[in-house]
Amino acid sequence: MLKPYSLKRACKQDERICSPPFMELTSTYGEDTLQQIEKSGIAFPFICKTRVAHGTNSHEMAIIFNQEGLKAIQPPCVIQSFINHNAVLYKVFVVGESYSVVKRPSLKNFSAGVSGWLGGEAECLQNARSLRHKRDRESIFFNSHNVSKPESSSVLTALDKIEGVFERPNDEVIRAISKALRQALGVSLFGIDIIINNQTGQHAVIDINAFPGYEGVSEFFTDLLNHIAAVLQGQAPEVSQLNRSKHLAEQTGSLAGERTCCASNGCRSMVGKDPWIVDSETTPSVKLQHQRLGCNSAVSPSFQQHCVATLATKASSQ
């Protein structure tokens, strides 16, 4: 779960980015529990998550619709306001300055209930029924793997209809979130779970995962190799990257002509019409257009292939 101070640094003043209110529950349901929840700005329904980041139980979650449902919560846990997002989750996998976006199924929209009595007698009756349904609704317990995996098929993801705003994630916003979190958290390998608020169109950061599985990211090993090379070159003393590349190019003859490119001169893995985000069912993942790290002349093609093959072999054996 994202720390509050990291969230503030990541979002800054960008109104396009938000994170649902959340808090940690450390004790069982008591007289002051509801007051603590309201003080944190959390409203029903909300998501209940375990504090465990890895392991068998780390994906066990619940949707709590009312005060009665609080009694079934097993602390310690984290609760977070639920935001309707038309059943679409965007998983952003970050490797240094490079990142990939994978579209996954997610929870369908749920009613937030009724907050007041407005309108005529018919509307009041309808509101009363809606409020009673909200109060009587039982909590839903589920495993997120059964909801948000590419092959997932669940009644919880079956969207009756698209409501409100239905937008694709904005390239500029994703890039800003990725960069801000790298700086705030001091890490370069992590995943971001993002949903689009169907009422405001905001990009809501709902979770941060350290060392995710990178499932569906076909170019992970290449990205990792490029990132390692960039880090090592950045640590070289008294030799600028440009001079170093030039020196190595002179040593390897035509190598620079074969594989010289960099992110700053606009190297892209894909061009054309808005191809950077696709359904996971058709293509596992696609790189954001201008976020593909370029090949560096300091690393030969044969060495890159060797490293990628070695990393793939090690990963498959684990």
Protein backbone atom coordinates (compact mmCIF):
# COMPACT_ATOMS: atom_id res chain seq x y z
CA MET A 1 0.00 0.00 0.00
CA LEU A 2 1.23 3.48 -0.87
CA LYS A 3 2.36 5.57 2.09
CA PRO A 4 0.49 8.89 2.55
CA TYR A 5 3.61 11.03 2.25
CA SER A 6 4.65 9.25 -0.95
CA LEU A 7 1.19 9.81 -2.37
CA LYS A 8 1.35 13.54 -1.75
CA ARG A 9 4.75 13.79 -3.39
CA ALA A 10 3.57 11.74 -6.35
CA CYS A 11 0.33 13.59 -6.99
CA LYS A 12 1.53 17.10 -6.09
CA GLN A 13 -0.91 19.57 -7.65
CA ASP A 14 -1.99 17.41 -10.61
CA GLU A 15 -5.77 17.25 -10.55
CA ARG A 16 -5.71 14.35 -13.02
CA ILE A 17 -4.21 12.06 -10.35
CA CYS A 18 -5.75 10.92 -7.08
CA SER A 19 -5.77 8.06 -4.60
CA PRO A 20 -8.87 6.85 -2.76
CA PRO A 21 -8.88 7.55 1.00
CA PHE A 22 -7.55 4.64 3.02
CA MET A 23 -6.53 3.70 6.54
CA GLU A 24 -5.15 0.78 8.47
CA LEU A 25 -7.36 -1.08 10.93
CA THR A 26 -5.36 -2.61 13.77
CA SER A 27 -8.15 -3.76 16.08
CA THR A 28 -11.47 -5.58 15.80
CA TYR A 29 -14.76 -3.76 15.40
CA GLY A 30 -15.58 -1.46 18.30
CA GLU A 31 -17.68 1.57 19.19
CA ASP A 32 -15.18 4.00 17.71
CA THR A 33 -14.41 2.06 14.51
CA LEU A 34 -17.05 3.77 12.39
CA GLN A 35 -15.94 7.16 13.69
CA GLN A 36 -12.34 6.44 12.71
CA ILE A 37 -13.42 5.39 9.24
CA GLU A 38 -15.51 8.52 8.70
CA LYS A 39 -12.66 10.69 10.00
CA SER A 40 -10.39 9.19 7.33
CA GLY A 41 -12.86 10.21 4.63
CA ILE A 42 -13.81 6.63 3.78
CA ALA A 43 -17.40 5.89 2.78
CA PHE A 44 -19.35 2.71 2.03
CA PRO A 45 -18.73 0.67 0.05
CA PHE A 46 -15.03 0.15 0.59
CA ILE A 47 -12.39 -2.47 -0.17
CA CYS A 48 -10.71 -4.41 2.63
CA LYS A 49 -7.19 -5.71 1.88
CA THR A 50 -4.66 -7.68 3.87
CA ARG A 51 -1.41 -6.04 4.91
CA VAL A 52 0.53 -8.98 3.51
CA ALA A 53 2.10 -8.12 0.17
CA HIS A 54 3.05 -11.66 -0.86
CA GLY A 55 1.88 -15.17 -0.15
CA THR A 56 -1.25 -17.29 -0.32
CA ASN A 57 -3.49 -14.86 1.58
CA SER A 58 -2.19 -11.63 0.05
CA HIS A 59 -4.92 -11.58 -2.60
CA GLU A 60 -7.85 -12.17 -0.26
CA MET A 61 -10.12 -9.11 -0.24
CA ALA A 62 -13.65 -8.03 0.62
CA ILE A 63 -16.16 -5.35 -0.37
CA ILE A 64 -17.89 -3.96 2.72
CA PHE A 65 -21.24 -2.26 2.12
CA ASN A 66 -22.45 -1.34 5.60
CA GLN A 67 -21.69 -1.15 9.31
CA GLU A 68 -22.75 -4.75 9.84
CA GLY A 69 -20.04 -5.88 7.46
CA LEU A 70 -17.36 -4.31 9.65
CA LYS A 71 -17.80 -7.10 12.18
CA ALA A 72 -16.45 -9.66 9.71
CA ILE A 73 -13.19 -7.80 9.09
CA GLN A 74 -10.07 -9.53 10.41
CA PRO A 75 -7.43 -6.95 11.39
CA PRO A 76 -4.75 -5.95 10.83
CA CYS A 77 -5.85 -4.86 7.39
CA VAL A 78 -6.13 -1.86 5.10
CA ILE A 79 -9.46 -0.43 3.99
CA GLN A 80 -9.86 1.85 0.98
CA SER A 81 -12.83 3.67 -0.51
CA PHE A 82 -14.21 1.91 -3.57
CA ILE A 83 -14.28 3.97 -6.77
CA ASN A 84 -16.48 2.93 -9.66
CA HIS A 85 -14.30 2.43 -12.74
CA ASN A 86 -16.38 0.45 -15.22
CA ALA A 87 -14.64 -2.86 -14.43
CA VAL A 88 -11.27 -2.00 -16.00
CA LEU A 89 -7.90 -2.10 -14.21
CA TYR A 90 -4.66 -0.84 -15.74
CA LYS A 91 -1.50 -2.45 -14.41
CA VAL A 92 1.63 -0.38 -15.03
CA PHE A 93 4.90 -2.32 -14.85
CA VAL A 94 7.91 -0.07 -14.31
CA VAL A 95 11.55 -0.91 -15.12
CA GLY A 96 13.62 2.23 -14.57
CA GLU A 97 12.44 4.86 -17.02
CA SER A 98 10.60 2.30 -19.11
CA TYR A 99 7.11 1.01 -18.41
CA SER A 100 4.41 -1.15 -19.93
CA VAL A 101 0.65 -0.96 -19.46
CA VAL A 102 -1.54 -4.07 -19.33
CA LYS A 103 -5.33 -3.90 -19.34
CA ARG A 104 -7.06 -6.30 -16.95
CA PRO A 105 -10.64 -7.02 -15.85
CA SER A 106 -11.71 -5.55 -12.53
CA LEU A 107 -14.67 -5.17 -10.18
CA LYS A 108 -17.88 -3.87 -11.66
CA ASN A 109 -19.62 -0.71 -10.45
CA PHE A 110 -21.37 -0.75 -7.09
CA SER A 111 -23.89 1.73 -5.75
CA ALA A 112 -22.63 4.18 -3.15
CA GLY A 113 -26.08 4.33 -1.52
CA VAL A 114 -28.33 7.27 -0.77
CA SER A 115 -27.25 10.28 1.27
CA GLY A 116 -30.45 12.27 1.45
CA TRP A 117 -34.12 12.58 0.51
CA LEU A 118 -34.71 14.60 -2.62
CA GLY A 119 -37.61 14.81 -5.05
CA GLY A 120 -41.22 13.71 -4.81
CA GLU A 121 -42.95 10.80 -3.12
CA ALA A 122 -41.99 8.27 -5.83
CA GLU A 123 -38.32 9.24 -5.64
CA CYS A 124 -38.36 9.04 -1.84
CA LEU A 125 -39.81 5.53 -2.04
CA GLN A 126 -37.14 4.47 -4.52
CA ASN A 127 -34.42 6.00 -2.36
CA ALA A 128 -35.79 4.22 0.70
CA ARG A 129 -35.64 0.88 -1.10
CA SER A 130 -32.10 1.61 -2.28
CA LEU A 131 -30.99 2.55 1.23
CA ARG A 132 -32.60 -0.57 2.71
CA HIS A 133 -30.84 -2.69 0.07
CA LYS A 134 -27.55 -1.08 0.98
CA ARG A 135 -28.08 -1.78 4.69
CA ASP A 136 -29.09 -5.39 4.05
CA ARG A 137 -26.40 -6.17 1.51
CA GLU A 138 -23.89 -8.76 2.63
CA SER A 139 -20.15 -8.27 2.24
CA ILE A 140 -18.50 -9.86 -0.76
CA PHE A 141 -15.31 -11.85 -0.14
CA PHE A 142 -13.13 -12.68 -3.13
CA ASN A 143 -9.61 -13.42 -4.31
CA SER A 144 -8.22 -10.74 -6.59
CA HIS A 145 -6.50 -13.39 -8.74
CA ASN A 146 -9.95 -14.64 -9.69
CA VAL A 147 -10.99 -11.15 -10.71
CA SER A 148 -8.03 -9.38 -12.33
CA LYS A 149 -6.02 -12.08 -14.09
CA PRO A 150 -6.09 -12.03 -17.93
CA GLU A 151 -8.08 -15.27 -18.03
CA SER A 152 -10.43 -14.29 -15.19
CA SER A 153 -14.17 -14.74 -15.63
CA SER A 154 -16.29 -13.70 -12.67
CA VAL A 155 -19.74 -12.35 -11.96
CA LEU A 156 -17.95 -9.59 -10.07
CA THR A 157 -16.47 -8.27 -13.32
CA ALA A 158 -19.63 -8.59 -15.41
CA LEU A 159 -20.51 -4.96 -16.13
CA ASP A 160 -24.23 -4.38 -16.76
CA LYS A 161 -23.59 -1.11 -18.56
CA ILE A 162 -20.96 1.58 -18.87
CA GLU A 163 -21.70 4.42 -16.50
CA GLY A 164 -20.37 7.97 -16.56
CA VAL A 165 -16.91 8.58 -17.98
CA PHE A 166 -15.12 5.79 -19.81
CA GLU A 167 -11.62 6.95 -20.72
CA ARG A 168 -8.36 5.32 -21.65
CA PRO A 169 -5.37 6.14 -19.46
CA ASN A 170 -3.48 9.25 -20.50
CA ASP A 171 0.12 8.69 -21.64
CA GLU A 172 1.36 11.91 -20.03
CA VAL A 173 -0.34 11.14 -16.72
CA ILE A 174 1.04 7.59 -16.58
CA ARG A 175 4.53 8.91 -17.26
CA ALA A 176 4.18 11.54 -14.54
CA ILE A 177 2.95 8.99 -11.99
CA SER A 178 5.76 6.57 -12.82
CA LYS A 179 8.45 9.23 -12.55
CA ALA A 180 7.09 10.75 -9.35
CA LEU A 181 6.85 7.36 -7.62
CA ARG A 182 10.37 6.38 -8.67
CA GLN A 183 11.65 9.53 -7.04
CA ALA A 184 9.42 9.35 -3.95
CA LEU A 185 9.98 5.67 -3.21
CA GLY A 186 13.56 5.37 -4.40
CA VAL A 187 12.90 2.19 -6.39
CA SER A 188 13.05 1.36 -10.09
CA LEU A 189 11.30 -2.03 -10.27
CA PHE A 190 7.66 -1.85 -9.21
CA GLY A 191 4.07 -2.06 -10.39
CA ILE A 192 1.22 0.45 -10.17
CA ASP A 193 -2.47 -0.41 -10.17
CA ILE A 194 -4.50 2.38 -11.74
CA ILE A 195 -8.23 2.77 -12.38
CA ILE A 196 -10.11 5.60 -14.09
CA ASN A 197 -12.79 7.21 -11.91
CA ASN A 198 -15.96 7.04 -14.00
CA GLN A 199 -17.29 10.22 -12.42
CA THR A 200 -14.26 12.53 -12.65
CA GLY A 201 -11.98 10.84 -15.20
CA GLN A 202 -9.12 11.00 -12.69
CA HIS A 203 -6.38 8.39 -12.68
CA ALA A 204 -6.70 6.75 -9.25
CA VAL A 205 -3.62 5.01 -7.87
CA ILE A 206 -5.03 2.16 -5.80
CA ASP A 207 -1.94 0.07 -5.11
CA ILE A 208 1.84 -0.14 -5.46
CA ASN A 209 3.58 -3.50 -5.80
CA ALA A 210 7.28 -4.00 -5.15
CA PHE A 211 8.89 -6.44 -7.59
CA PRO A 212 5.70 -7.54 -9.37
CA GLY A 213 5.56 -10.63 -11.56
CA TYR A 214 5.64 -8.62 -14.83
CA GLU A 215 3.12 -11.07 -16.26
CA GLY A 216 2.26 -10.14 -19.82
CA VAL A 217 5.29 -7.88 -20.28
CA SER A 218 7.03 -9.55 -23.22
CA GLU A 219 10.01 -7.16 -23.28
CA PHE A 220 10.80 -7.31 -19.57
CA PHE A 221 14.25 -8.88 -19.91
CA THR A 222 15.32 -6.41 -22.58
CA ASP A 223 14.07 -3.50 -20.47
CA LEU A 224 15.87 -4.85 -17.42
CA LEU A 225 19.14 -5.22 -19.34
CA ASN A 226 18.85 -1.69 -20.71
CA HIS A 227 18.14 -0.35 -17.23
CA ILE A 228 21.14 -2.15 -15.72
CA ALA A 229 23.36 -0.81 -18.49
CA ALA A 230 22.07 2.73 -17.91
CA VAL A 231 22.70 2.47 -14.16
CA LEU A 232 26.24 1.16 -14.66
CA GLN A 233 27.08 3.87 -17.16
CA GLY A 234 25.72 6.50 -14.82
CA GLN A 235 28.15 5.38 -12.13
CA ALA A 236 31.26 5.56 -14.36
CA PRO A 237 33.59 8.28 -12.93
CA GLU A 238 34.97 11.17 -14.96
CA VAL A 239 33.62 9.86 -18.26
CA SER A 240 30.43 11.27 -19.69
CA GLN A 241 27.99 8.90 -21.32
CA LEU A 242 28.52 10.58 -24.68
CA ASN A 243 32.30 10.29 -24.54
CA ARG A 244 32.06 6.73 -23.27
CA SER A 245 29.77 5.71 -26.11
CA LYS A 246 32.04 7.41 -28.62
CA HIS A 247 35.11 5.66 -27.21
CA LEU A 248 33.45 2.25 -27.29
CA ALA A 249 32.13 2.87 -30.79
CA GLU A 250 35.67 3.57 -32.02
CA GLN A 251 36.82 0.30 -30.49
CA THR A 252 34.04 -1.79 -32.01
CA GLY A 253 34.11 -0.30 -35.51
CA SER A 254 30.67 -0.41 -37.06
CA LEU A 255 28.89 -1.28 -33.81
CA ALA A 256 27.68 2.27 -33.26
CA GLY A 257 26.16 2.36 -36.71
CA GLU A 258 24.31 -0.86 -36.06
CA ARG A 259 22.77 -0.24 -32.66
CA THR A 260 23.10 3.43 -31.65
CA CYS A 261 19.91 5.04 -30.42
CA CYS A 262 18.64 6.71 -27.26
CA ALA A 263 15.40 7.72 -25.58
CA SER A 264 16.13 11.44 -26.01
CA ASN A 265 16.08 11.31 -29.82
CA GLY A 266 12.63 9.82 -29.97
CA CYS A 267 13.29 6.09 -30.34
CA ARG A 268 9.95 4.28 -30.27
CA SER A 269 9.00 0.66 -30.22
CA MET A 270 5.70 1.35 -31.95
CA VAL A 271 4.31 4.07 -34.18
CA GLY A 272 0.92 4.82 -35.63
CA LYS A 273 -2.50 5.28 -34.14
CA ASP A 274 -2.80 4.98 -30.40
CA PRO A 275 -1.37 1.42 -30.21
CA TRP A 276 0.11 1.61 -26.75
CA ILE A 277 -2.76 0.05 -24.79
CA VAL A 278 -4.61 -3.11 -25.78
CA ASP A 279 -6.70 -5.86 -24.27
CA SER A 280 -4.60 -8.46 -22.53
CA GLU A 281 -6.50 -11.20 -24.34
CA THR A 282 -5.12 -10.19 -27.73
CA THR A 283 -1.64 -8.93 -26.87
CA PRO A 284 -0.12 -9.37 -23.40
CA SER A 285 1.38 -5.89 -23.20
CA VAL A 286 2.43 -3.02 -25.40
CA LYS A 287 5.02 -0.38 -24.61
CA LEU A 288 3.92 3.21 -24.30
CA GLN A 289 5.06 4.87 -27.49
CA HIS A 290 7.81 7.20 -26.30
CA GLN A 291 8.76 5.37 -23.16
CA ARG A 292 10.79 2.58 -24.79
CA LEU A 293 14.37 2.76 -23.53
CA GLY A 294 16.76 2.90 -26.45
CA CYS A 295 19.56 0.47 -27.25
CA ASN A 296 22.93 1.71 -26.12
CA SER A 297 26.06 1.31 -28.15
CA ALA A 298 27.99 0.42 -25.01
CA VAL A 299 26.29 -2.98 -24.99
CA SER A 300 26.82 -5.22 -28.01
CA PRO A 301 23.87 -7.08 -29.60
CA SER A 302 25.44 -10.46 -28.88
CA PHE A 303 25.96 -9.54 -25.22
CA GLN A 304 22.36 -8.34 -24.94
CA GLN A 305 21.07 -11.59 -26.41
CA HIS A 306 23.26 -13.60 -24.07
CA CYS A 307 22.04 -11.71 -20.99
CA VAL A 308 18.39 -11.91 -22.02
CA ALA A 309 18.70 -15.65 -22.63
CA THR A 310 20.44 -16.13 -19.28
CA LEU A 311 17.81 -14.15 -17.38
CA ALA A 312 15.00 -16.02 -19.13
CA THR A 313 16.56 -19.37 -18.26
CA LYS A 314 16.95 -18.42 -14.62
CA ALA A 315 13.40 -17.10 -14.41
CA SER A 316 11.93 -20.24 -15.95
CA SER A 317 13.81 -22.45 -13.51
CA GLN A 318 12.48 -20.66 -10.42
